[in-house]
C-alpha atoms as a PDB file:
ATOM      1  CA  MET A   1      97.296 106.881 107.760  1.00  0.00           C
ATOM      2  CA  GLU A   2      99.319 109.312 109.873  1.00  0.00           C
ATOM      3  CA  ARG A   3     102.304 110.437 107.824  1.00  0.00           C
ATOM      4  CA  ILE A   4     105.794 110.621 109.188  1.00  0.00           C
ATOM      5  CA  ALA A   5     106.580 114.187 110.267  1.00  0.00           C
ATOM      6  CA  PHE A   6     109.232 116.360 111.843  1.00  0.00           C
ATOM      7  CA  LEU A   7     108.176 118.662 114.669  1.00  0.00           C
ATOM      8  CA  LEU A   8     110.444 121.640 115.402  1.00  0.00           C
ATOM      9  CA  GLU A   9     110.864 121.770 119.167  1.00  0.00           C
ATOM     10  CA  GLN A  10     111.487 125.527 119.351  1.00  0.00           C
ATOM     11  CA  THR A  11     108.616 126.760 117.186  1.00  0.00           C
ATOM     12  CA  GLY A  12     106.153 123.867 117.210  1.00  0.00           C
ATOM     13  CA  ASN A  13     106.027 123.918 113.385  1.00  0.00           C
ATOM     14  CA  ARG A  14     105.272 120.589 111.760  1.00  0.00           C
ATOM     15  CA  LEU A  15     106.846 119.372 108.501  1.00  0.00           C
ATOM     16  CA  SER A  16     105.011 116.392 107.051  1.00  0.00           C
ATOM     17  CA  CYS A  17     106.240 114.062 104.339  1.00  0.00           C
ATOM     18  CA  MET A  18     104.059 113.261 101.346  1.00  0.00           C
ATOM     19  CA  LEU A  19     104.391 109.505 101.775  1.00  0.00           C
ATOM     20  CA  ASN A  20     105.427 107.213 104.620  1.00  0.00           C
ATOM     21  CA  PRO A  21     108.748 105.422 103.962  1.00  0.00           C
ATOM     22  CA  ASP A  22     108.566 101.756 102.979  1.00  0.00           C
ATOM     23  CA  SER A  23     111.423 101.031 105.365  1.00  0.00           C
ATOM     24  CA  LEU A  24     113.944 102.673 107.650  1.00  0.00           C
ATOM     25  CA  THR A  25     117.289 101.624 109.063  1.00  0.00           C
ATOM     26  CA  VAL A  26     118.215 102.022 112.734  1.00  0.00           C
ATOM     27  CA  ARG A  27     121.848 101.749 113.750  1.00  0.00           C
ATOM     28  CA  ARG A  28     123.533 101.994 117.159  1.00  0.00           C
ATOM     29  CA  LEU A  29     127.238 102.773 117.602  1.00  0.00           C
ATOM     30  CA  ALA A  30     128.538 102.146 121.117  1.00  0.00           C
ATOM     31  CA  GLY A  31     130.923 104.609 122.789  1.00  0.00           C
ATOM     32  CA  MET A  32     134.344 103.100 122.123  1.00  0.00           C
ATOM     33  CA  LYS A  33     137.405 103.401 119.922  1.00  0.00           C
ATOM     34  CA  GLN A  34     140.596 101.477 119.230  1.00  0.00           C
ATOM     35  CA  ARG A  35     143.204 101.888 121.943  1.00  0.00           C
ATOM     36  CA  ARG A  36     146.228 103.835 120.697  1.00  0.00           C
ATOM     37  CA  SER A  37     149.777 104.481 121.830  1.00  0.00           C
ATOM     38  CA  VAL A  38     152.361 107.067 120.815  1.00  0.00           C
ATOM     39  CA  GLY A  39     153.331 104.935 117.834  1.00  0.00           C
ATOM     40  CA  GLY A  40     149.782 104.370 116.595  1.00  0.00           C
ATOM     41  CA  VAL A  41     147.076 101.759 117.184  1.00  0.00           C
ATOM     42  CA  PHE A  42     147.917  99.528 120.140  1.00  0.00           C
ATOM     43  CA  THR A  43     147.795  95.868 119.139  1.00  0.00           C
ATOM     44  CA  ALA A  44     149.889  92.691 119.111  1.00  0.00           C
ATOM     45  CA  THR A  45     150.218  89.544 117.027  1.00  0.00           C
ATOM     46  CA  GLY A  46     148.933  87.365 119.864  1.00  0.00           C
ATOM     47  CA  LEU A  47     145.621  89.197 120.198  1.00  0.00           C
ATOM     48  CA  ALA A  48     142.393  87.912 118.687  1.00  0.00           C
ATOM     49  CA  ASP A  49     140.815  91.402 118.767  1.00  0.00           C
ATOM     50  CA  ASP A  50     142.216  94.910 118.964  1.00  0.00           C
ATOM     51  CA  PRO A  51     142.085  96.387 122.497  1.00  0.00           C
ATOM     52  CA  LEU A  52     139.293  98.898 122.886  1.00  0.00           C
ATOM     53  CA  LEU A  53     139.004 102.125 124.839  1.00  0.00           C
ATOM     54  CA  TYR A  54     135.481 102.596 126.221  1.00  0.00           C
ATOM     55  CA  THR A  55     134.576 106.263 125.989  1.00  0.00           C
ATOM     56  CA  GLY A  56     130.922 106.202 127.106  1.00  0.00           C
ATOM     57  CA  GLY A  57     128.114 107.718 125.089  1.00  0.00           C
ATOM     58  CA  GLY A  58     127.753 106.467 121.567  1.00  0.00           C
ATOM     59  CA  MET A  59     125.361 107.301 118.764  1.00  0.00           C
ATOM     60  CA  THR A  60     121.954 106.117 117.542  1.00  0.00           C
ATOM     61  CA  GLU A  61     121.014 107.014 113.986  1.00  0.00           C
ATOM     62  CA  ILE A  62     117.971 106.438 111.779  1.00  0.00           C
ATOM     63  CA  ILE A  63     118.263 106.409 107.992  1.00  0.00           C
ATOM     64  CA  LEU A  64     115.027 107.347 106.201  1.00  0.00           C
ATOM     65  CA  ASP A  65     114.292 107.076 102.474  1.00  0.00           C
ATOM     66  CA  LEU A  66     111.494 109.511 101.609  1.00  0.00           C
ATOM     67  CA  LEU A  67     109.617 110.049  98.336  1.00  0.00           C
ATOM     68  CA  PHE A  68     108.170 113.328  97.048  1.00  0.00           C
ATOM     69  CA  ASP A  69     106.404 113.800  93.715  1.00  0.00           C
ATOM     70  CA  VAL A  70     104.528 116.877  92.463  1.00  0.00           C
ATOM     71  CA  SER A  71     101.990 114.632  90.686  1.00  0.00           C
ATOM     72  CA  LEU A  72     100.897 113.004  93.961  1.00  0.00           C
ATOM     73  CA  ALA A  73      97.862 114.355  95.778  1.00  0.00           C
ATOM     74  CA  GLY A  74      98.190 115.573  99.345  1.00  0.00           C
ATOM     75  CA  SER A  75     100.793 118.320  99.158  1.00  0.00           C
ATOM     76  CA  SER A  76      99.818 121.781 100.404  1.00  0.00           C
ATOM     77  CA  ILE A  77     102.240 123.330  97.876  1.00  0.00           C
ATOM     78  CA  SER A  78     101.211 123.589  94.227  1.00  0.00           C
ATOM     79  CA  THR A  79     104.385 123.561  92.128  1.00  0.00           C
ATOM     80  CA  GLU A  80     106.099 121.861  89.221  1.00  0.00           C
ATOM     81  CA  ASP A  81     109.468 121.862  91.021  1.00  0.00           C
ATOM     82  CA  VAL A  82     109.628 119.237  93.775  1.00  0.00           C
ATOM     83  CA  ARG A  83     112.443 121.181  95.478  1.00  0.00           C
ATOM     84  CA  ASP A  84     109.830 123.685  96.666  1.00  0.00           C
ATOM     85  CA  ILE A  85     108.389 120.821  98.751  1.00  0.00           C
ATOM     86  CA  THR A  86     111.657 119.372 100.036  1.00  0.00           C
ATOM     87  CA  ALA A  87     113.368 122.706 100.810  1.00  0.00           C
ATOM     88  CA  PRO A  88     112.017 122.870 104.431  1.00  0.00           C
ATOM     89  CA  LEU A  89     113.606 119.461 105.124  1.00  0.00           C
ATOM     90  CA  TRP A  90     116.941 120.684 103.798  1.00  0.00           C
ATOM     91  CA  GLU A  91     116.689 123.581 106.258  1.00  0.00           C
ATOM     92  CA  LEU A  92     116.673 121.074 109.141  1.00  0.00           C
ATOM     93  CA  ALA A  93     120.319 120.295 108.359  1.00  0.00           C
ATOM     94  CA  GLU A  94     121.342 123.976 108.376  1.00  0.00           C
ATOM     95  CA  ASN A  95     122.985 125.567 111.404  1.00  0.00           C
ATOM     96  CA  GLY A  96     121.045 128.278 113.227  1.00  0.00           C
ATOM     97  CA  GLU A  97     121.677 130.450 116.252  1.00  0.00           C
ATOM     98  CA  SER A  98     121.119 128.938 119.690  1.00  0.00           C
ATOM     99  CA  GLU A  99     120.765 130.561 123.095  1.00  0.00           C
ATOM    100  CA  ASP A 100     124.387 129.843 124.034  1.00  0.00           C
ATOM    101  CA  GLY A 101     125.677 131.561 120.909  1.00  0.00           C
ATOM    102  CA  TYR A 102     126.875 128.394 119.166  1.00  0.00           C
ATOM    103  CA  ARG A 103     125.456 127.548 115.759  1.00  0.00           C
ATOM    104  CA  ARG A 104     123.732 124.178 115.526  1.00  0.00           C
ATOM    105  CA  PRO A 105     120.937 122.408 113.604  1.00  0.00           C
ATOM    106  CA  PRO A 106     117.455 122.789 115.086  1.00  0.00           C
ATOM    107  CA  LEU A 107     116.160 120.216 117.551  1.00  0.00           C
ATOM    108  CA  VAL A 108     113.307 118.292 115.933  1.00  0.00           C
ATOM    109  CA  ARG A 109     111.134 115.299 116.735  1.00  0.00           C
ATOM    110  CA  LEU A 110     110.652 112.366 114.434  1.00  0.00           C
ATOM    111  CA  VAL A 111     106.930 111.636 114.861  1.00  0.00           C
ATOM    112  CA  TRP A 112     105.133 108.713 113.241  1.00  0.00           C
ATOM    113  CA  GLY A 113     101.777 107.661 114.659  1.00  0.00           C
ATOM    114  CA  LYS A 114     101.925 106.371 118.230  1.00  0.00           C
ATOM    115  CA  SER A 115     105.059 104.268 117.713  1.00  0.00           C
ATOM    116  CA  TRP A 116     107.744 106.872 117.020  1.00  0.00           C
ATOM    117  CA  ASN A 117     108.415 110.100 118.897  1.00  0.00           C
ATOM    118  CA  ILE A 118     112.175 110.642 119.012  1.00  0.00           C
ATOM    119  CA  PRO A 119     114.069 113.898 119.641  1.00  0.00           C
ATOM    120  CA  GLY A 120     117.107 114.480 117.474  1.00  0.00           C
ATOM    121  CA  ILE A 121     118.783 116.460 114.744  1.00  0.00           C
ATOM    122  CA  VAL A 122     118.973 115.995 110.983  1.00  0.00           C
ATOM    123  CA  ALA A 123     122.671 115.302 110.351  1.00  0.00           C
ATOM    124  CA  SER A 124     122.481 115.063 106.559  1.00  0.00           C
ATOM    125  CA  VAL A 125     120.093 114.979 103.600  1.00  0.00           C
ATOM    126  CA  ALA A 126     120.609 113.977  99.976  1.00  0.00           C
ATOM    127  CA  GLU A 127     118.253 113.975  97.008  1.00  0.00           C
ATOM    128  CA  ARG A 128     118.077 112.085  93.728  1.00  0.00           C
ATOM    129  CA  LEU A 129     115.967 114.194  91.365  1.00  0.00           C
ATOM    130  CA  GLU A 130     113.957 112.773  88.447  1.00  0.00           C
ATOM    131  CA  HIS A 131     111.217 113.643  85.926  1.00  0.00           C
ATOM    132  CA  PHE A 132     112.550 116.981  84.712  1.00  0.00           C
ATOM    133  CA  THR A 133     110.440 119.446  82.735  1.00  0.00           C
ATOM    134  CA  SER A 134     111.769 121.117  79.568  1.00  0.00           C
ATOM    135  CA  GLY A 135     112.798 124.011  81.798  1.00  0.00           C
ATOM    136  CA  GLY A 136     114.863 121.784  84.107  1.00  0.00           C
ATOM    137  CA  ALA A 137     112.436 121.607  87.052  1.00  0.00           C
ATOM    138  CA  PRO A 138     112.485 118.173  88.722  1.00  0.00           C
ATOM    139  CA  GLY A 139     109.109 116.622  89.497  1.00  0.00           C
ATOM    140  CA  ARG A 140     110.220 113.778  91.768  1.00  0.00           C
ATOM    141  CA  SER A 141     112.669 113.526  94.665  1.00  0.00           C
ATOM    142  CA  TRP A 142     114.064 110.456  96.370  1.00  0.00           C
ATOM    143  CA  MET A 143     115.422 111.865  99.627  1.00  0.00           C
ATOM    144  CA  ARG A 144     117.730 110.060 102.037  1.00  0.00           C
ATOM    145  CA  MET A 145     117.928 111.563 105.528  1.00  0.00           C
ATOM    146  CA  ARG A 146     120.286 110.742 108.397  1.00  0.00           C
ATOM    147  CA  PHE A 147     118.620 111.456 111.755  1.00  0.00           C
ATOM    148  CA  LEU A 148     120.646 111.347 114.988  1.00  0.00           C
ATOM    149  CA  ARG A 149     118.949 110.847 118.347  1.00  0.00           C
ATOM    150  CA  VAL A 150     119.654 113.340 121.130  1.00  0.00           C
ATOM    151  CA  LYS A 151     118.567 113.375 124.765  1.00  0.00           C
ATOM    152  CA  GLU A 152     115.181 114.761 125.748  1.00  0.00           C
ATOM    153  CA  TYR A 153     115.391 118.490 126.503  1.00  0.00           C
ATOM    154  CA  SER A 154     113.252 120.187 129.125  1.00  0.00           C
ATOM    155  CA  SER A 155     112.453 123.897 128.757  1.00  0.00           C
ATOM    156  CA  GLN A 156     111.356 123.840 132.428  1.00  0.00           C
ATOM    157  CA  THR A 157     114.764 122.964 133.841  1.00  0.00           C
ATOM    158  CA  GLY A 158     117.013 123.983 130.956  1.00  0.00           C
ATOM    159  CA  SER A 159     118.631 120.548 131.048  1.00  0.00           C
ATOM    160  CA  HIS A 160     118.363 117.187 129.382  1.00  0.00           C
ATOM    161  CA  ALA A 161     115.935 114.754 130.969  1.00  0.00           C
ATOM    162  CA  PRO A 162     116.779 111.057 131.408  1.00  0.00           C
ATOM    163  CA  TYR A 163     115.177 108.536 129.108  1.00  0.00           C
ATOM    164  CA  LYS A 164     115.023 104.860 128.333  1.00  0.00           C
ATOM    165  CA  SER A 165     115.411 103.398 124.862  1.00  0.00           C
ATOM    166  CA  PRO A 166     113.571 105.815 122.537  1.00  0.00           C
ATOM    167  CA  LEU A 167     113.148 103.128 119.907  1.00  0.00           C
ATOM    168  CA  SER A 168     110.679 101.283 122.123  1.00  0.00           C
ATOM    169  CA  SER A 169     107.092 102.555 121.917  1.00  0.00           C
ATOM    170  CA  ALA A 170     106.537 101.429 125.520  1.00  0.00           C
ATOM    171  CA  ALA A 171     109.550 103.380 126.753  1.00  0.00           C
ATOM    172  CA  GLU A 172     108.567 106.442 124.735  1.00  0.00           C
ATOM    173  CA  SER A 173     105.183 106.537 126.422  1.00  0.00           C
ATOM    174  CA  ALA A 174     106.893 106.957 129.804  1.00  0.00           C
ATOM    175  CA  ILE A 175     106.980 110.494 131.194  1.00  0.00           C
ATOM    176  CA  PRO A 176     110.537 111.810 131.797  1.00  0.00           C
ATOM    177  CA  GLU A 177     111.533 112.603 135.372  1.00  0.00           C
ATOM    178  CA  ASP A 178     111.040 116.371 135.200  1.00  0.00           C
ATOM    179  CA  GLN A 179     107.641 115.889 133.594  1.00  0.00           C
ATOM    180  CA  PHE A 180     106.546 113.508 136.360  1.00  0.00           C
ATOM    181  CA  ARG A 181     106.865 116.536 138.662  1.00  0.00           C
ATOM    182  CA  LEU A 182     104.469 118.548 136.532  1.00  0.00           C
ATOM    183  CA  HIS A 183     102.034 115.647 136.406  1.00  0.00           C
ATOM    184  CA  ARG A 184     102.194 115.223 140.185  1.00  0.00           C
ATOM    185  CA  ILE A 185     101.571 118.939 140.761  1.00  0.00           C
ATOM    186  CA  ALA A 186      98.658 118.817 138.353  1.00  0.00           C
ATOM    187  CA  GLY A 187      97.073 116.153 140.529  1.00  0.00           C
ATOM    188  CA  GLU A 188      97.329 118.131 143.761  1.00  0.00           C
ATOM    189  CA  GLY A 189      94.252 120.270 143.188  1.00  0.00           C
ATOM    190  CA  LEU A 190      95.843 123.511 141.953  1.00  0.00           C
ATOM    191  CA  GLN A 191      93.687 125.765 139.796  1.00  0.00           C
ATOM    192  CA  GLU A 192      93.188 124.335 136.333  1.00  0.00           C
ATOM    193  CA  LYS A 193      92.390 125.857 132.967  1.00  0.00           C
ATOM    194  CA  GLU A 194      90.274 124.042 130.439  1.00  0.00           C
ATOM    195  CA  GLY A 195      90.143 124.246 126.660  1.00  0.00           C
ATOM    196  CA  ILE A 196      88.042 122.655 123.948  1.00  0.00           C
ATOM    197  CA  LEU A 197      89.694 120.772 121.105  1.00  0.00           C
ATOM    198  CA  THR A 198      88.942 121.953 117.587  1.00  0.00           C
ATOM    199  CA  SER A 199      89.294 119.970 114.388  1.00  0.00           C
ATOM    200  CA  GLY A 200      92.868 118.964 113.612  1.00  0.00           C
ATOM    201  CA  GLU A 201      94.434 120.082 116.934  1.00  0.00           C
ATOM    202  CA  ARG A 202      97.316 118.005 118.261  1.00  0.00           C
ATOM    203  CA  LEU A 203      98.625 117.528 121.803  1.00  0.00           C
ATOM    204  CA  ASP A 204     102.223 118.345 120.810  1.00  0.00           C
ATOM    205  CA  VAL A 205     101.157 121.709 119.375  1.00  0.00           C
ATOM    206  CA  ILE A 206      98.973 122.474 122.423  1.00  0.00           C
ATOM    207  CA  ALA A 207     101.856 121.560 124.753  1.00  0.00           C
ATOM    208  CA  HIS A 208     104.213 123.890 122.890  1.00  0.00           C
ATOM    209  CA  GLU A 209     101.713 126.767 123.085  1.00  0.00           C
ATOM    210  CA  HIS A 210     101.042 126.407 126.832  1.00  0.00           C
ATOM    211  CA  TYR A 211     104.289 124.987 128.268  1.00  0.00           C
ATOM    212  CA  GLY A 212     106.877 126.153 125.742  1.00  0.00           C
ATOM    213  CA  SER A 213     107.895 122.611 124.796  1.00  0.00           C
ATOM    214  CA  ALA A 214     106.140 120.094 122.563  1.00  0.00           C
ATOM    215  CA  SER A 215     107.608 117.280 124.679  1.00  0.00           C
ATOM    216  CA  PHE A 216     104.963 117.959 127.368  1.00  0.00           C
ATOM    217  CA  TRP A 217     102.326 116.270 125.188  1.00  0.00           C
ATOM    218  CA  ARG A 218     102.871 113.147 127.324  1.00  0.00           C
ATOM    219  CA  VAL A 219     101.905 115.071 130.463  1.00  0.00           C
ATOM    220  CA  LEU A 220      98.688 116.318 128.852  1.00  0.00           C
ATOM    221  CA  ALA A 221      97.854 112.824 127.596  1.00  0.00           C
ATOM    222  CA  SER A 222      98.442 111.239 131.008  1.00  0.00           C
ATOM    223  CA  TYR A 223      96.635 113.926 133.007  1.00  0.00           C
ATOM    224  CA  ASN A 224      93.590 113.869 130.704  1.00  0.00           C
ATOM    225  CA  ASN A 225      93.542 110.040 130.392  1.00  0.00           C
ATOM    226  CA  ILE A 226      93.988 110.239 126.623  1.00  0.00           C
ATOM    227  CA  SER A 227      94.896 106.749 125.410  1.00  0.00           C
ATOM    228  CA  ASP A 228      95.154 107.630 121.700  1.00  0.00           C
ATOM    229  CA  PRO A 229      96.698 111.124 121.256  1.00  0.00           C
ATOM    230  CA  MET A 230      96.636 110.795 117.466  1.00  0.00           C
ATOM    231  CA  ASN A 231      92.848 110.402 117.284  1.00  0.00           C
ATOM    232  CA  MET A 232      91.268 112.917 119.626  1.00  0.00           C
ATOM    233  CA  VAL A 233      87.592 113.798 119.301  1.00  0.00           C
ATOM    234  CA  ARG A 234      86.700 117.340 118.293  1.00  0.00           C
ATOM    235  CA  GLY A 235      84.874 119.207 121.079  1.00  0.00           C
ATOM    236  CA  SER A 236      86.546 117.229 123.871  1.00  0.00           C
ATOM    237  CA  ALA A 237      87.666 119.187 126.932  1.00  0.00           C
ATOM    238  CA  ILE A 238      91.334 119.194 127.865  1.00  0.00           C
ATOM    239  CA  LYS A 239      92.646 120.340 131.263  1.00  0.00           C
ATOM    240  CA  PHE A 240      96.064 121.752 132.102  1.00  0.00           C
ATOM    241  CA  VAL A 241      97.704 123.687 134.934  1.00  0.00           C
ATOM    242  CA  PRO A 242      98.786 127.248 134.030  1.00  0.00           C
ATOM    243  CA  MET A 243     102.535 127.794 134.111  1.00  0.00           C
ATOM    244  CA  THR A 244     102.034 130.662 136.588  1.00  0.00           C
ATOM    245  CA  ASP A 245     100.696 128.168 139.125  1.00  0.00           C
ATOM    246  CA  LEU A 246     103.834 126.054 138.777  1.00  0.00           C
ATOM    247  CA  GLU A 247     106.361 128.800 139.378  1.00  0.00           C
ATOM    248  CA  GLY A 248     108.059 128.574 142.773  1.00  0.00           C
ATOM    249  CA  VAL A 249     106.474 125.225 143.613  1.00  0.00           C
END
């Protein structure tokens, strides 16, 4: 089974979890707050509900409970301290430099099979550590992660692309507006390049290497008529338009 993973948008690096979560919680907070006056919250005894101020926006969050254990097979890291495995996930909640000079957590994608592909940031992580060795090294981690959805970002335009509900697999399969342009250009007969898939290659990684953004995996899938991006056959040919052919179009 495809494990849940986090794909770093900037580098294309992939951080996989050892086990899929048994459950996850999705919560939506609409853009609103209680209406206030100079003296405090605006309300009255005759009201059934407090008046609300509609601010727009809102927030969608996903709470994941992840399990890591050094005794489980499948980890690429051989260690007796489970924190060596979970450390990269902690780094997702750390602030790093961005192009505009402001420090912020890295943009990542929550990827799980064909049903989940959501851009966002890791807002918080917490671990409960168990099974300690005599030297104090924990062997098991129960990690809770709070993941906040953000809008799709396009490296082509330097802006956020519109989207529909990202919690719907049907909506996620739709190509954002700026990527429709690339797909349309690709179909107009410009010079193509072709590559051959090797074992273990993924469309998101290929898209990051050739277009500078892993989000263009949808364009590659659509243009090459790939119905199941998670199970591509080794040796298959994949076509894409070089970025140099797209400049100035």
